[in-house]
Amino acid sequence: MKKLILLALVLIGLSSCKNKTVEYYFVDNAEKDGFLAFDLPASIIQPKEGISKDAQATLKTLKKMNVIALKKDAVDAATFELEHQKFKALKKDKSYENLMRFKNGNTSFSVKIQGEANAVNQILVFADNKELGFGVARILGNKMSPAKIMQLKEAFNDMDLDGNQLSVLKNLLK
């Protein structure tokens, strides 16, 4: 009987201590009031003819992108602060390697990766603005190269993007 009680306590302890990863954060908050969450397939990015073969190869390593964000004015101050603390804890997850950090105006960005240096399976971009809110973009792929993904920024001018599907993302970034 003692062993059964001990086993039950261990199982309860393990289930209540589930690892609060980015994946759990998306699942736990995607349907909550105030949160904006959406998925974008890699197929949304359609390169025009003439884009470099290197950029085409890089695009083929992308699978999809998940985005979740909370605007400061979407919830009451106490809820925002609680969720902001959870968000900050996510950025400390040791299963992701820091790639870079930078600021653009009042927004600070933190880019983290999971995988090997030139074979990354996941890129996380955390954005935090004290006046506007916070969010994270999770880019999933297959053996992505972070350096080549960053170079895609140059090729973005030569790509057709579906405006209807990306309008939400554009508005979020304003």
C-alpha atoms as a PDB file:
ATOM      1  CA  MET A   1       0.000   0.000   0.000  1.00  0.00           C
ATOM      2  CA  LYS A   2       2.839   2.366   0.859  1.00  0.00           C
ATOM      3  CA  LYS A   3       4.409   1.695  -2.542  1.00  0.00           C
ATOM      4  CA  LEU A   4       1.131   2.542  -4.292  1.00  0.00           C
ATOM      5  CA  ILE A   5       0.820   5.856  -2.411  1.00  0.00           C
ATOM      6  CA  LEU A   6       4.456   6.683  -3.127  1.00  0.00           C
ATOM      7  CA  LEU A   7       3.977   5.891  -6.823  1.00  0.00           C
ATOM      8  CA  ALA A   8       0.872   8.101  -6.946  1.00  0.00           C
ATOM      9  CA  LEU A   9       2.743  10.990  -5.316  1.00  0.00           C
ATOM     10  CA  VAL A  10       5.639  10.644  -7.768  1.00  0.00           C
ATOM     11  CA  LEU A  11       3.272  10.615 -10.749  1.00  0.00           C
ATOM     12  CA  ILE A  12       1.409  13.675  -9.449  1.00  0.00           C
ATOM     13  CA  GLY A  13       4.713  15.461  -8.892  1.00  0.00           C
ATOM     14  CA  LEU A  14       5.953  14.640 -12.373  1.00  0.00           C
ATOM     15  CA  SER A  15       2.747  15.727 -14.074  1.00  0.00           C
ATOM     16  CA  SER A  16       2.623  19.031 -12.206  1.00  0.00           C
ATOM     17  CA  CYS A  17       6.245  19.804 -13.087  1.00  0.00           C
ATOM     18  CA  LYS A  18       5.862  19.400 -16.832  1.00  0.00           C
ATOM     19  CA  ASN A  19       8.559  21.212 -18.733  1.00  0.00           C
ATOM     20  CA  LYS A  20       7.293  24.674 -19.690  1.00  0.00           C
ATOM     21  CA  THR A  21       8.690  24.759 -23.194  1.00  0.00           C
ATOM     22  CA  VAL A  22       7.762  27.049 -26.040  1.00  0.00           C
ATOM     23  CA  GLU A  23       5.561  24.265 -27.422  1.00  0.00           C
ATOM     24  CA  TYR A  24       3.563  24.133 -24.186  1.00  0.00           C
ATOM     25  CA  TYR A  25       3.358  27.917 -24.133  1.00  0.00           C
ATOM     26  CA  PHE A  26       1.741  27.909 -27.589  1.00  0.00           C
ATOM     27  CA  VAL A  27      -0.725  25.170 -26.645  1.00  0.00           C
ATOM     28  CA  ASP A  28      -1.597  26.673 -23.257  1.00  0.00           C
ATOM     29  CA  ASN A  29      -2.174  30.220 -24.538  1.00  0.00           C
ATOM     30  CA  ALA A  30      -3.308  30.027 -28.166  1.00  0.00           C
ATOM     31  CA  GLU A  31      -6.999  30.075 -27.222  1.00  0.00           C
ATOM     32  CA  LYS A  32      -6.780  32.496 -24.296  1.00  0.00           C
ATOM     33  CA  ASP A  33      -8.399  35.912 -24.516  1.00  0.00           C
ATOM     34  CA  GLY A  34      -5.996  38.620 -25.602  1.00  0.00           C
ATOM     35  CA  PHE A  35      -3.465  36.319 -27.255  1.00  0.00           C
ATOM     36  CA  LEU A  36      -2.917  36.419 -30.985  1.00  0.00           C
ATOM     37  CA  ALA A  37      -1.722  33.072 -32.324  1.00  0.00           C
ATOM     38  CA  PHE A  38      -1.386  31.745 -35.846  1.00  0.00           C
ATOM     39  CA  ASP A  39       0.566  29.324 -38.012  1.00  0.00           C
ATOM     40  CA  LEU A  40       2.045  30.084 -41.398  1.00  0.00           C
ATOM     41  CA  PRO A  41       3.134  27.303 -43.760  1.00  0.00           C
ATOM     42  CA  ALA A  42       6.404  27.751 -45.621  1.00  0.00           C
ATOM     43  CA  SER A  43       4.410  27.536 -48.856  1.00  0.00           C
ATOM     44  CA  ILE A  44       3.155  31.069 -48.192  1.00  0.00           C
ATOM     45  CA  ILE A  45       6.524  32.336 -49.450  1.00  0.00           C
ATOM     46  CA  GLN A  46       6.619  31.992 -53.206  1.00  0.00           C
ATOM     47  CA  PRO A  47       9.848  33.207 -54.790  1.00  0.00           C
ATOM     48  CA  LYS A  48       9.726  35.035 -58.109  1.00  0.00           C
ATOM     49  CA  GLU A  49      11.713  33.698 -60.984  1.00  0.00           C
ATOM     50  CA  GLY A  50      15.317  34.771 -60.865  1.00  0.00           C
ATOM     51  CA  ILE A  51      15.800  34.316 -57.117  1.00  0.00           C
ATOM     52  CA  SER A  52      19.186  32.756 -56.399  1.00  0.00           C
ATOM     53  CA  LYS A  53      19.496  28.996 -56.195  1.00  0.00           C
ATOM     54  CA  ASP A  54      21.009  29.410 -52.732  1.00  0.00           C
ATOM     55  CA  ALA A  55      17.888  31.280 -51.539  1.00  0.00           C
ATOM     56  CA  GLN A  56      15.649  28.632 -53.142  1.00  0.00           C
ATOM     57  CA  ALA A  57      17.556  25.867 -51.346  1.00  0.00           C
ATOM     58  CA  THR A  58      17.261  27.748 -48.048  1.00  0.00           C
ATOM     59  CA  LEU A  59      13.502  28.174 -48.513  1.00  0.00           C
ATOM     60  CA  LYS A  60      13.157  24.410 -48.984  1.00  0.00           C
ATOM     61  CA  THR A  61      14.526  23.837 -45.466  1.00  0.00           C
ATOM     62  CA  LEU A  62      11.615  25.783 -43.920  1.00  0.00           C
ATOM     63  CA  LYS A  63       8.480  23.912 -42.832  1.00  0.00           C
ATOM     64  CA  LYS A  64       6.307  26.422 -40.989  1.00  0.00           C
ATOM     65  CA  MET A  65       6.214  29.293 -38.553  1.00  0.00           C
ATOM     66  CA  ASN A  66       4.113  29.617 -35.417  1.00  0.00           C
ATOM     67  CA  VAL A  67       3.539  33.027 -33.855  1.00  0.00           C
ATOM     68  CA  ILE A  68       2.000  33.919 -30.516  1.00  0.00           C
ATOM     69  CA  ALA A  69       1.822  37.408 -29.055  1.00  0.00           C
ATOM     70  CA  LEU A  70       0.108  39.380 -26.337  1.00  0.00           C
ATOM     71  CA  LYS A  71      -0.486  43.102 -26.722  1.00  0.00           C
ATOM     72  CA  LYS A  72      -0.285  45.030 -23.483  1.00  0.00           C
ATOM     73  CA  ASP A  73      -3.697  46.634 -23.928  1.00  0.00           C
ATOM     74  CA  ALA A  74      -5.430  43.307 -24.723  1.00  0.00           C
ATOM     75  CA  VAL A  75      -5.674  42.215 -21.065  1.00  0.00           C
ATOM     76  CA  ASP A  76      -5.677  43.777 -17.606  1.00  0.00           C
ATOM     77  CA  ALA A  77      -2.343  44.809 -16.051  1.00  0.00           C
ATOM     78  CA  ALA A  78      -2.150  41.872 -13.600  1.00  0.00           C
ATOM     79  CA  THR A  79      -2.763  39.289 -16.332  1.00  0.00           C
ATOM     80  CA  PHE A  80      -0.245  40.966 -18.599  1.00  0.00           C
ATOM     81  CA  GLU A  81       2.431  40.957 -15.882  1.00  0.00           C
ATOM     82  CA  LEU A  82       1.804  37.279 -15.065  1.00  0.00           C
ATOM     83  CA  GLU A  83       2.046  36.268 -18.728  1.00  0.00           C
ATOM     84  CA  HIS A  84       5.083  38.490 -19.233  1.00  0.00           C
ATOM     85  CA  GLN A  85       6.882  36.655 -16.399  1.00  0.00           C
ATOM     86  CA  LYS A  86       6.078  33.299 -18.057  1.00  0.00           C
ATOM     87  CA  PHE A  87       7.371  34.669 -21.356  1.00  0.00           C
ATOM     88  CA  LYS A  88      10.634  35.798 -19.745  1.00  0.00           C
ATOM     89  CA  ALA A  89      11.071  32.341 -18.195  1.00  0.00           C
ATOM     90  CA  LEU A  90      10.734  30.770 -21.666  1.00  0.00           C
ATOM     91  CA  LYS A  91      13.700  32.787 -22.885  1.00  0.00           C
ATOM     92  CA  LYS A  92      15.842  31.143 -20.193  1.00  0.00           C
ATOM     93  CA  ASP A  93      15.130  27.595 -21.440  1.00  0.00           C
ATOM     94  CA  LYS A  94      18.530  25.860 -21.596  1.00  0.00           C
ATOM     95  CA  SER A  95      17.459  23.520 -24.415  1.00  0.00           C
ATOM     96  CA  TYR A  96      17.876  26.437 -26.843  1.00  0.00           C
ATOM     97  CA  GLU A  97      21.227  27.985 -27.719  1.00  0.00           C
ATOM     98  CA  ASN A  98      21.544  31.774 -27.873  1.00  0.00           C
ATOM     99  CA  LEU A  99      22.293  32.967 -31.377  1.00  0.00           C
ATOM    100  CA  MET A 100      22.004  36.731 -30.997  1.00  0.00           C
ATOM    101  CA  ARG A 101      20.291  39.608 -29.257  1.00  0.00           C
ATOM    102  CA  PHE A 102      19.566  43.072 -30.589  1.00  0.00           C
ATOM    103  CA  LYS A 103      17.321  46.095 -30.140  1.00  0.00           C
ATOM    104  CA  ASN A 104      15.265  47.994 -32.656  1.00  0.00           C
ATOM    105  CA  GLY A 105      13.813  51.117 -31.084  1.00  0.00           C
ATOM    106  CA  ASN A 106      11.990  50.087 -27.907  1.00  0.00           C
ATOM    107  CA  THR A 107      11.792  46.426 -28.903  1.00  0.00           C
ATOM    108  CA  SER A 108      14.396  43.923 -27.790  1.00  0.00           C
ATOM    109  CA  PHE A 109      14.878  40.715 -29.752  1.00  0.00           C
ATOM    110  CA  SER A 110      16.457  37.447 -28.740  1.00  0.00           C
ATOM    111  CA  VAL A 111      17.135  34.737 -31.321  1.00  0.00           C
ATOM    112  CA  LYS A 112      17.690  31.167 -30.144  1.00  0.00           C
ATOM    113  CA  ILE A 113      18.216  27.908 -32.000  1.00  0.00           C
ATOM    114  CA  GLN A 114      17.796  24.209 -31.376  1.00  0.00           C
ATOM    115  CA  GLY A 115      19.920  21.725 -33.278  1.00  0.00           C
ATOM    116  CA  GLU A 116      23.456  21.675 -34.553  1.00  0.00           C
ATOM    117  CA  ALA A 117      25.212  24.767 -35.922  1.00  0.00           C
ATOM    118  CA  ASN A 118      24.373  24.219 -39.599  1.00  0.00           C
ATOM    119  CA  ALA A 119      21.517  21.756 -39.110  1.00  0.00           C
ATOM    120  CA  VAL A 120      18.991  23.675 -37.009  1.00  0.00           C
ATOM    121  CA  ASN A 121      15.477  22.283 -36.574  1.00  0.00           C
ATOM    122  CA  GLN A 122      13.990  25.229 -34.721  1.00  0.00           C
ATOM    123  CA  ILE A 123      14.636  28.960 -34.566  1.00  0.00           C
ATOM    124  CA  LEU A 124      12.928  31.085 -31.916  1.00  0.00           C
ATOM    125  CA  VAL A 125      12.637  34.847 -32.212  1.00  0.00           C
ATOM    126  CA  PHE A 126      11.494  36.512 -29.003  1.00  0.00           C
ATOM    127  CA  ALA A 127      10.313  40.133 -29.220  1.00  0.00           C
ATOM    128  CA  ASP A 128       9.610  42.243 -26.143  1.00  0.00           C
ATOM    129  CA  ASN A 129       8.389  45.847 -26.027  1.00  0.00           C
ATOM    130  CA  LYS A 130       7.418  47.288 -22.628  1.00  0.00           C
ATOM    131  CA  GLU A 131       4.831  49.648 -24.117  1.00  0.00           C
ATOM    132  CA  LEU A 132       3.294  47.342 -26.731  1.00  0.00           C
ATOM    133  CA  GLY A 133       3.629  43.739 -25.601  1.00  0.00           C
ATOM    134  CA  PHE A 134       5.617  40.607 -26.388  1.00  0.00           C
ATOM    135  CA  GLY A 135       5.619  37.627 -28.683  1.00  0.00           C
ATOM    136  CA  VAL A 136       7.584  34.719 -30.040  1.00  0.00           C
ATOM    137  CA  ALA A 137       7.926  33.354 -33.562  1.00  0.00           C
ATOM    138  CA  ARG A 138       8.875  29.709 -33.814  1.00  0.00           C
ATOM    139  CA  ILE A 139      10.361  28.734 -37.177  1.00  0.00           C
ATOM    140  CA  LEU A 140      10.426  25.000 -37.801  1.00  0.00           C
ATOM    141  CA  GLY A 141      12.507  23.408 -40.498  1.00  0.00           C
ATOM    142  CA  ASN A 142      14.778  20.637 -41.524  1.00  0.00           C
ATOM    143  CA  LYS A 143      18.515  21.199 -41.192  1.00  0.00           C
ATOM    144  CA  MET A 144      18.235  24.981 -41.537  1.00  0.00           C
ATOM    145  CA  SER A 145      21.327  27.154 -41.594  1.00  0.00           C
ATOM    146  CA  PRO A 146      20.813  30.269 -39.411  1.00  0.00           C
ATOM    147  CA  ALA A 147      23.286  32.261 -41.528  1.00  0.00           C
ATOM    148  CA  LYS A 148      21.409  31.404 -44.712  1.00  0.00           C
ATOM    149  CA  ILE A 149      18.040  32.156 -43.089  1.00  0.00           C
ATOM    150  CA  MET A 150      19.356  35.609 -42.179  1.00  0.00           C
ATOM    151  CA  GLN A 151      20.472  36.095 -45.795  1.00  0.00           C
ATOM    152  CA  LEU A 152      16.881  35.477 -46.929  1.00  0.00           C
ATOM    153  CA  LYS A 153      16.117  38.970 -45.699  1.00  0.00           C
ATOM    154  CA  GLU A 154      17.931  40.255 -48.789  1.00  0.00           C
ATOM    155  CA  ALA A 155      15.900  37.985 -51.058  1.00  0.00           C
ATOM    156  CA  PHE A 156      12.570  38.971 -49.478  1.00  0.00           C
ATOM    157  CA  ASN A 157      12.306  41.910 -51.860  1.00  0.00           C
ATOM    158  CA  ASP A 158      12.140  39.416 -54.729  1.00  0.00           C
ATOM    159  CA  MET A 159       9.396  37.240 -53.237  1.00  0.00           C
ATOM    160  CA  ASP A 160       5.627  37.251 -53.629  1.00  0.00           C
ATOM    161  CA  LEU A 161       3.901  37.040 -50.266  1.00  0.00           C
ATOM    162  CA  ASP A 162       0.201  36.366 -49.885  1.00  0.00           C
ATOM    163  CA  GLY A 163      -0.991  39.666 -48.423  1.00  0.00           C
ATOM    164  CA  ASN A 164      -4.188  38.301 -46.893  1.00  0.00           C
ATOM    165  CA  GLN A 165      -2.391  35.683 -44.853  1.00  0.00           C
ATOM    166  CA  LEU A 166       0.432  37.973 -43.832  1.00  0.00           C
ATOM    167  CA  SER A 167      -1.648  41.061 -43.020  1.00  0.00           C
ATOM    168  CA  VAL A 168      -2.049  39.834 -39.437  1.00  0.00           C
ATOM    169  CA  LEU A 169       1.718  39.517 -39.096  1.00  0.00           C
ATOM    170  CA  LYS A 170       2.309  42.963 -40.596  1.00  0.00           C
ATOM    171  CA  ASN A 171      -0.196  44.546 -38.195  1.00  0.00           C
ATOM    172  CA  LEU A 172       1.398  42.741 -35.257  1.00  0.00           C
ATOM    173  CA  LEU A 173       4.779  44.213 -36.111  1.00  0.00           C
ATOM    174  CA  LYS A 174       3.467  47.801 -36.205  1.00  0.00           C
END
